[in-house]
Amino acid sequence: MAKPVHSMIRVLEEERSVDFYRRAFGLEIKDKLEFDGFALIYLRHPTESEFEVELTVNYDQTAPYDLGNGYGHLAVTVDDLEAEHARMKAEGLSVGDLKDFPYKGQPFARFFFATDPDGYKIEVIARGGRFL
């Protein structure tokens, strides 16, 4: 059976991206591998999950990446959505409004989106229901 282990995104500035994911989601560097021309940085939460975000830094990249229209978002769950929203706003991070998302007239999800320094969207969902 396949086990998801990471999702990779390309980022322009390593320090800026590592700082965002640390402050926004508590992710820490688990591994950093340097190659000729690029580095792979694996970020993981120390207690919540073994799933990692892999940041790829191409040293010759000087302009922001074109995210195109194929990328959707990463998603994380939190116990207290309102508190996390307020905390990220206080950190000066880019966050959208809190949203309720019903399905067939019933509550399905409550969430907001945070946007990292490269423009990637991360959906922050209240833990519960199918989002444990």
N, C-alpha and C. Protein backbone atom coordinates (compact mmCIF):
# COMPACT_ATOMS: atom_id res chain seq x y z
N MET A 1 0.84 -1.18 0.00
CA MET A 1 0.00 0.00 0.00
C MET A 1 0.89 1.24 0.00
N ALA A 2 0.53 2.22 -0.79
CA ALA A 2 1.31 3.45 -0.87
C ALA A 2 1.08 4.31 0.37
N LYS A 3 2.13 4.93 0.83
CA LYS A 3 2.07 5.84 1.98
C LYS A 3 2.55 7.21 1.53
N PRO A 4 1.71 8.25 1.56
CA PRO A 4 2.18 9.59 1.21
C PRO A 4 3.28 10.04 2.17
N VAL A 5 4.37 10.59 1.63
CA VAL A 5 5.49 11.01 2.46
C VAL A 5 5.83 12.49 2.37
N HIS A 6 5.62 13.11 1.18
CA HIS A 6 5.88 14.55 1.08
C HIS A 6 5.22 15.15 -0.15
N SER A 7 5.14 16.48 -0.11
CA SER A 7 4.73 17.26 -1.26
C SER A 7 5.83 18.28 -1.50
N MET A 8 6.25 18.43 -2.77
CA MET A 8 7.36 19.32 -3.09
C MET A 8 6.85 20.60 -3.72
N ILE A 9 7.45 21.72 -3.31
CA ILE A 9 7.22 23.00 -3.97
C ILE A 9 8.56 23.68 -4.19
N ARG A 10 8.64 24.46 -5.25
CA ARG A 10 9.87 25.21 -5.55
C ARG A 10 9.73 26.59 -4.93
N VAL A 11 10.76 27.02 -4.23
CA VAL A 11 10.72 28.32 -3.57
C VAL A 11 11.91 29.15 -4.00
N LEU A 12 11.73 30.46 -3.96
CA LEU A 12 12.77 31.37 -4.43
C LEU A 12 13.83 31.63 -3.37
N GLU A 13 13.40 31.88 -2.13
CA GLU A 13 14.35 32.23 -1.06
C GLU A 13 14.18 31.27 0.11
N GLU A 14 15.21 30.48 0.35
CA GLU A 14 15.18 29.46 1.40
C GLU A 14 14.81 30.00 2.77
N GLU A 15 15.53 31.00 3.25
CA GLU A 15 15.29 31.50 4.62
C GLU A 15 13.88 32.02 4.79
N ARG A 16 13.40 32.77 3.83
CA ARG A 16 12.05 33.33 3.89
C ARG A 16 11.00 32.22 3.96
N SER A 17 11.17 31.19 3.16
CA SER A 17 10.20 30.09 3.13
C SER A 17 10.27 29.25 4.40
N VAL A 18 11.45 28.91 4.85
CA VAL A 18 11.60 28.14 6.09
C VAL A 18 10.98 28.91 7.25
N ASP A 19 11.22 30.21 7.30
CA ASP A 19 10.65 31.05 8.36
C ASP A 19 9.12 31.03 8.31
N PHE A 20 8.54 31.15 7.13
CA PHE A 20 7.09 31.13 7.00
C PHE A 20 6.51 29.82 7.53
N TYR A 21 7.01 28.69 7.07
CA TYR A 21 6.45 27.40 7.47
C TYR A 21 6.69 27.10 8.95
N ARG A 22 7.76 27.63 9.51
CA ARG A 22 8.00 27.48 10.95
C ARG A 22 7.00 28.31 11.74
N ARG A 23 6.85 29.59 11.37
CA ARG A 23 5.95 30.46 12.12
C ARG A 23 4.49 30.12 11.91
N ALA A 24 4.12 29.76 10.69
CA ALA A 24 2.72 29.48 10.39
C ALA A 24 2.27 28.12 10.90
N PHE A 25 3.08 27.08 10.73
CA PHE A 25 2.63 25.72 10.98
C PHE A 25 3.51 24.91 11.92
N GLY A 26 4.56 25.52 12.48
CA GLY A 26 5.41 24.80 13.41
C GLY A 26 6.29 23.75 12.75
N LEU A 27 6.50 23.85 11.43
CA LEU A 27 7.34 22.87 10.74
C LEU A 27 8.80 23.20 10.98
N GLU A 28 9.58 22.16 11.18
CA GLU A 28 11.02 22.31 11.42
C GLU A 28 11.80 21.56 10.35
N ILE A 29 13.03 21.98 10.14
CA ILE A 29 13.87 21.30 9.16
C ILE A 29 14.23 19.92 9.71
N LYS A 30 13.86 18.89 8.96
CA LYS A 30 14.21 17.52 9.32
C LYS A 30 15.50 17.12 8.61
N ASP A 31 15.64 17.53 7.36
CA ASP A 31 16.83 17.25 6.56
C ASP A 31 17.05 18.37 5.57
N LYS A 32 18.32 18.59 5.25
CA LYS A 32 18.67 19.52 4.18
C LYS A 32 19.79 18.87 3.38
N LEU A 33 19.54 18.69 2.09
CA LEU A 33 20.52 18.07 1.21
C LEU A 33 20.93 19.08 0.15
N GLU A 34 22.23 19.34 0.06
CA GLU A 34 22.74 20.31 -0.91
C GLU A 34 23.39 19.57 -2.07
N PHE A 35 23.01 19.95 -3.28
CA PHE A 35 23.53 19.38 -4.51
C PHE A 35 24.13 20.51 -5.33
N ASP A 36 24.80 20.17 -6.42
CA ASP A 36 25.29 21.20 -7.34
C ASP A 36 24.08 21.89 -7.96
N GLY A 37 23.88 23.15 -7.63
CA GLY A 37 22.83 23.93 -8.25
C GLY A 37 21.50 23.98 -7.53
N PHE A 38 21.28 23.12 -6.54
CA PHE A 38 20.00 23.16 -5.83
C PHE A 38 20.11 22.49 -4.46
N ALA A 39 19.10 22.76 -3.63
CA ALA A 39 19.01 22.13 -2.31
C ALA A 39 17.59 21.61 -2.12
N LEU A 40 17.48 20.53 -1.35
CA LEU A 40 16.20 19.98 -0.94
C LEU A 40 16.11 20.11 0.57
N ILE A 41 15.05 20.77 1.04
CA ILE A 41 14.86 20.99 2.48
C ILE A 41 13.55 20.31 2.86
N TYR A 42 13.63 19.35 3.78
CA TYR A 42 12.45 18.61 4.21
C TYR A 42 11.98 19.16 5.54
N LEU A 43 10.73 19.66 5.56
CA LEU A 43 10.14 20.24 6.76
C LEU A 43 9.09 19.28 7.30
N ARG A 44 9.08 19.15 8.64
CA ARG A 44 8.12 18.25 9.28
C ARG A 44 7.74 18.83 10.63
N HIS A 45 6.51 18.56 11.03
CA HIS A 45 6.09 18.94 12.38
C HIS A 45 6.68 17.92 13.35
N PRO A 46 7.23 18.36 14.49
CA PRO A 46 7.92 17.42 15.38
C PRO A 46 7.03 16.39 16.05
N THR A 47 5.71 16.64 16.14
CA THR A 47 4.85 15.69 16.86
C THR A 47 3.58 15.31 16.11
N GLU A 48 3.10 16.12 15.20
CA GLU A 48 1.77 15.92 14.62
C GLU A 48 1.72 14.94 13.46
N SER A 49 2.77 14.84 12.65
CA SER A 49 2.69 14.02 11.45
C SER A 49 4.09 13.76 10.92
N GLU A 50 4.25 12.63 10.24
CA GLU A 50 5.51 12.34 9.56
C GLU A 50 5.52 12.89 8.14
N PHE A 51 4.37 13.37 7.64
CA PHE A 51 4.30 13.93 6.30
C PHE A 51 5.17 15.18 6.23
N GLU A 52 5.89 15.33 5.13
CA GLU A 52 6.82 16.44 5.00
C GLU A 52 6.48 17.34 3.81
N VAL A 53 6.87 18.59 3.94
CA VAL A 53 6.87 19.53 2.83
C VAL A 53 8.32 19.62 2.37
N GLU A 54 8.55 19.32 1.11
CA GLU A 54 9.89 19.40 0.54
C GLU A 54 10.02 20.73 -0.20
N LEU A 55 10.91 21.58 0.27
CA LEU A 55 11.20 22.84 -0.42
C LEU A 55 12.39 22.60 -1.34
N THR A 56 12.23 22.92 -2.61
CA THR A 56 13.34 22.82 -3.55
C THR A 56 13.79 24.24 -3.86
N VAL A 57 15.07 24.50 -3.63
CA VAL A 57 15.67 25.80 -3.91
C VAL A 57 16.66 25.60 -5.04
N ASN A 58 16.34 26.15 -6.22
CA ASN A 58 17.26 26.13 -7.35
C ASN A 58 18.10 27.40 -7.30
N TYR A 59 19.40 27.23 -7.12
CA TYR A 59 20.27 28.39 -6.88
C TYR A 59 20.33 29.37 -8.04
N ASP A 60 20.07 28.93 -9.26
CA ASP A 60 20.13 29.84 -10.40
C ASP A 60 18.81 30.54 -10.67
N GLN A 61 17.77 30.26 -9.89
CA GLN A 61 16.47 30.90 -10.08
C GLN A 61 16.51 32.31 -9.49
N THR A 62 16.22 33.31 -10.31
CA THR A 62 16.26 34.69 -9.82
C THR A 62 14.90 35.36 -9.82
N ALA A 63 13.95 34.81 -10.56
CA ALA A 63 12.61 35.39 -10.65
C ALA A 63 11.62 34.47 -9.96
N PRO A 64 10.54 35.03 -9.43
CA PRO A 64 9.51 34.18 -8.82
C PRO A 64 9.01 33.13 -9.80
N TYR A 65 8.64 31.97 -9.27
CA TYR A 65 8.09 30.90 -10.10
C TYR A 65 6.70 31.26 -10.58
N ASP A 66 6.36 30.80 -11.77
CA ASP A 66 5.01 30.92 -12.28
C ASP A 66 4.23 29.72 -11.75
N LEU A 67 3.28 29.97 -10.86
CA LEU A 67 2.55 28.87 -10.23
C LEU A 67 1.57 28.22 -11.19
N GLY A 68 1.24 28.90 -12.27
CA GLY A 68 0.32 28.32 -13.24
C GLY A 68 -1.07 28.13 -12.68
N ASN A 69 -1.88 27.35 -13.38
CA ASN A 69 -3.24 27.13 -12.90
C ASN A 69 -3.46 25.68 -12.49
N GLY A 70 -2.39 24.90 -12.36
CA GLY A 70 -2.53 23.50 -11.98
C GLY A 70 -2.38 23.25 -10.49
N TYR A 71 -1.65 24.11 -9.80
CA TYR A 71 -1.46 23.92 -8.37
C TYR A 71 -2.72 24.31 -7.63
N GLY A 72 -3.13 23.49 -6.68
CA GLY A 72 -4.29 23.81 -5.85
C GLY A 72 -3.84 24.33 -4.51
N HIS A 73 -3.59 23.43 -3.57
CA HIS A 73 -3.15 23.85 -2.25
C HIS A 73 -2.73 22.65 -1.42
N LEU A 74 -1.95 22.92 -0.38
CA LEU A 74 -1.71 21.97 0.69
C LEU A 74 -2.81 22.21 1.71
N ALA A 75 -3.05 21.25 2.60
CA ALA A 75 -4.05 21.44 3.65
C ALA A 75 -3.53 20.88 4.96
N VAL A 76 -3.83 21.60 6.04
CA VAL A 76 -3.50 21.16 7.40
C VAL A 76 -4.76 21.32 8.25
N THR A 77 -4.83 20.56 9.35
CA THR A 77 -5.94 20.72 10.28
C THR A 77 -5.43 21.25 11.60
N VAL A 78 -6.28 22.00 12.31
CA VAL A 78 -5.94 22.56 13.62
C VAL A 78 -7.13 22.39 14.56
N ASP A 79 -6.84 22.35 15.86
CA ASP A 79 -7.90 22.21 16.85
C ASP A 79 -8.72 23.48 17.00
N ASP A 80 -8.07 24.64 17.02
CA ASP A 80 -8.75 25.91 17.26
C ASP A 80 -8.51 26.84 16.08
N LEU A 81 -9.40 26.79 15.12
CA LEU A 81 -9.23 27.54 13.87
C LEU A 81 -9.15 29.04 14.11
N GLU A 82 -10.05 29.56 14.94
CA GLU A 82 -10.07 31.01 15.19
C GLU A 82 -8.77 31.47 15.85
N ALA A 83 -8.26 30.70 16.80
CA ALA A 83 -7.02 31.06 17.48
C ALA A 83 -5.84 31.04 16.50
N GLU A 84 -5.79 30.04 15.62
CA GLU A 84 -4.70 29.97 14.64
C GLU A 84 -4.79 31.12 13.65
N HIS A 85 -5.99 31.47 13.25
CA HIS A 85 -6.19 32.60 12.33
C HIS A 85 -5.68 33.89 12.98
N ALA A 86 -6.07 34.11 14.23
CA ALA A 86 -5.64 35.32 14.95
C ALA A 86 -4.12 35.32 15.16
N ARG A 87 -3.55 34.16 15.49
CA ARG A 87 -2.10 34.06 15.73
C ARG A 87 -1.33 34.39 14.46
N MET A 88 -1.75 33.82 13.33
CA MET A 88 -1.04 34.07 12.08
C MET A 88 -1.16 35.54 11.66
N LYS A 89 -2.33 36.13 11.85
CA LYS A 89 -2.50 37.56 11.55
C LYS A 89 -1.55 38.39 12.42
N ALA A 90 -1.47 38.05 13.72
CA ALA A 90 -0.58 38.77 14.63
C ALA A 90 0.89 38.61 14.22
N GLU A 91 1.22 37.48 13.60
CA GLU A 91 2.59 37.23 13.10
C GLU A 91 2.88 38.03 11.83
N GLY A 92 1.84 38.67 11.28
CA GLY A 92 2.01 39.42 10.04
C GLY A 92 2.02 38.54 8.80
N LEU A 93 1.51 37.30 8.93
CA LEU A 93 1.46 36.39 7.79
C LEU A 93 0.22 36.69 6.94
N SER A 94 0.27 36.31 5.69
CA SER A 94 -0.84 36.56 4.77
C SER A 94 -1.91 35.49 4.95
N VAL A 95 -3.06 35.90 5.50
CA VAL A 95 -4.16 34.97 5.71
C VAL A 95 -5.45 35.58 5.17
N GLY A 96 -6.31 34.69 4.65
CA GLY A 96 -7.61 35.12 4.16
C GLY A 96 -8.65 35.07 5.26
N ASP A 97 -9.87 35.36 4.90
CA ASP A 97 -10.99 35.36 5.85
C ASP A 97 -11.38 33.94 6.22
N LEU A 98 -11.96 33.79 7.40
CA LEU A 98 -12.54 32.52 7.82
C LEU A 98 -13.77 32.24 6.95
N LYS A 99 -13.91 30.99 6.51
CA LYS A 99 -15.02 30.61 5.62
C LYS A 99 -15.71 29.36 6.16
N ASP A 100 -17.01 29.30 5.95
CA ASP A 100 -17.78 28.10 6.21
C ASP A 100 -18.12 27.49 4.86
N PHE A 101 -17.99 26.18 4.76
CA PHE A 101 -18.22 25.48 3.50
C PHE A 101 -19.21 24.35 3.74
N PRO A 102 -20.50 24.58 3.42
CA PRO A 102 -21.50 23.53 3.63
C PRO A 102 -21.55 22.55 2.45
N TYR A 103 -22.09 21.38 2.73
CA TYR A 103 -22.34 20.38 1.70
C TYR A 103 -23.75 19.83 1.92
N LYS A 104 -24.59 19.97 0.91
CA LYS A 104 -25.99 19.54 1.00
C LYS A 104 -26.67 20.10 2.24
N GLY A 105 -26.41 21.38 2.50
CA GLY A 105 -27.05 22.08 3.60
C GLY A 105 -26.50 21.77 4.98
N GLN A 106 -25.48 20.93 5.06
CA GLN A 106 -24.88 20.57 6.35
C GLN A 106 -23.45 21.13 6.43
N PRO A 107 -22.98 21.43 7.64
CA PRO A 107 -21.59 21.88 7.76
C PRO A 107 -20.63 20.80 7.25
N PHE A 108 -19.68 21.22 6.44
CA PHE A 108 -18.67 20.30 5.91
C PHE A 108 -17.27 20.70 6.39
N ALA A 109 -16.95 21.99 6.24
CA ALA A 109 -15.62 22.46 6.64
C ALA A 109 -15.69 23.94 7.02
N ARG A 110 -14.86 24.31 7.96
CA ARG A 110 -14.61 25.71 8.31
C ARG A 110 -13.12 25.89 8.13
N PHE A 111 -12.72 26.95 7.41
CA PHE A 111 -11.31 27.06 7.03
C PHE A 111 -10.92 28.49 6.69
N PHE A 112 -9.62 28.69 6.48
CA PHE A 112 -9.07 29.89 5.85
C PHE A 112 -7.84 29.46 5.07
N PHE A 113 -7.39 30.33 4.20
CA PHE A 113 -6.17 30.07 3.45
C PHE A 113 -5.06 31.00 3.93
N ALA A 114 -3.88 30.43 4.10
CA ALA A 114 -2.66 31.21 4.33
C ALA A 114 -1.87 31.15 3.02
N THR A 115 -1.14 32.20 2.71
CA THR A 115 -0.35 32.25 1.49
C THR A 115 1.11 32.43 1.86
N ASP A 116 1.96 31.52 1.35
CA ASP A 116 3.38 31.59 1.69
C ASP A 116 4.06 32.67 0.85
N PRO A 117 5.35 32.95 1.10
CA PRO A 117 6.03 34.05 0.40
C PRO A 117 6.11 33.87 -1.12
N ASP A 118 5.98 32.63 -1.60
CA ASP A 118 6.05 32.39 -3.04
C ASP A 118 4.67 32.33 -3.69
N GLY A 119 3.61 32.54 -2.91
CA GLY A 119 2.27 32.55 -3.45
C GLY A 119 1.51 31.23 -3.33
N TYR A 120 2.13 30.22 -2.72
CA TYR A 120 1.44 28.95 -2.54
C TYR A 120 0.37 29.08 -1.46
N LYS A 121 -0.78 28.47 -1.71
CA LYS A 121 -1.90 28.50 -0.77
C LYS A 121 -1.86 27.27 0.13
N ILE A 122 -2.12 27.49 1.42
CA ILE A 122 -2.24 26.41 2.39
C ILE A 122 -3.59 26.58 3.06
N GLU A 123 -4.44 25.56 2.93
CA GLU A 123 -5.76 25.59 3.55
C GLU A 123 -5.62 25.13 5.00
N VAL A 124 -6.14 25.93 5.91
CA VAL A 124 -6.10 25.61 7.32
C VAL A 124 -7.54 25.30 7.73
N ILE A 125 -7.79 24.03 8.09
CA ILE A 125 -9.14 23.53 8.32
C ILE A 125 -9.33 23.21 9.80
N ALA A 126 -10.52 23.52 10.33
CA ALA A 126 -10.86 23.11 11.70
C ALA A 126 -10.92 21.59 11.74
N ARG A 127 -10.22 21.02 12.71
CA ARG A 127 -10.19 19.57 12.87
C ARG A 127 -11.58 19.05 13.26
N GLY A 128 -12.01 18.00 12.60
CA GLY A 128 -13.30 17.39 12.89
C GLY A 128 -13.91 16.79 11.65
N GLY A 129 -14.94 15.95 11.83
CA GLY A 129 -15.58 15.32 10.69
C GLY A 129 -14.61 14.47 9.91
N ARG A 130 -14.51 14.68 8.60
CA ARG A 130 -13.57 13.92 7.79
C ARG A 130 -12.14 14.50 7.86
N PHE A 131 -12.00 15.64 8.51
CA PHE A 131 -10.69 16.30 8.60
C PHE A 131 -10.12 16.16 10.01
N LEU A 132 -9.61 14.99 10.32
CA LEU A 132 -9.07 14.73 11.66
C LEU A 132 -7.62 15.05 11.78
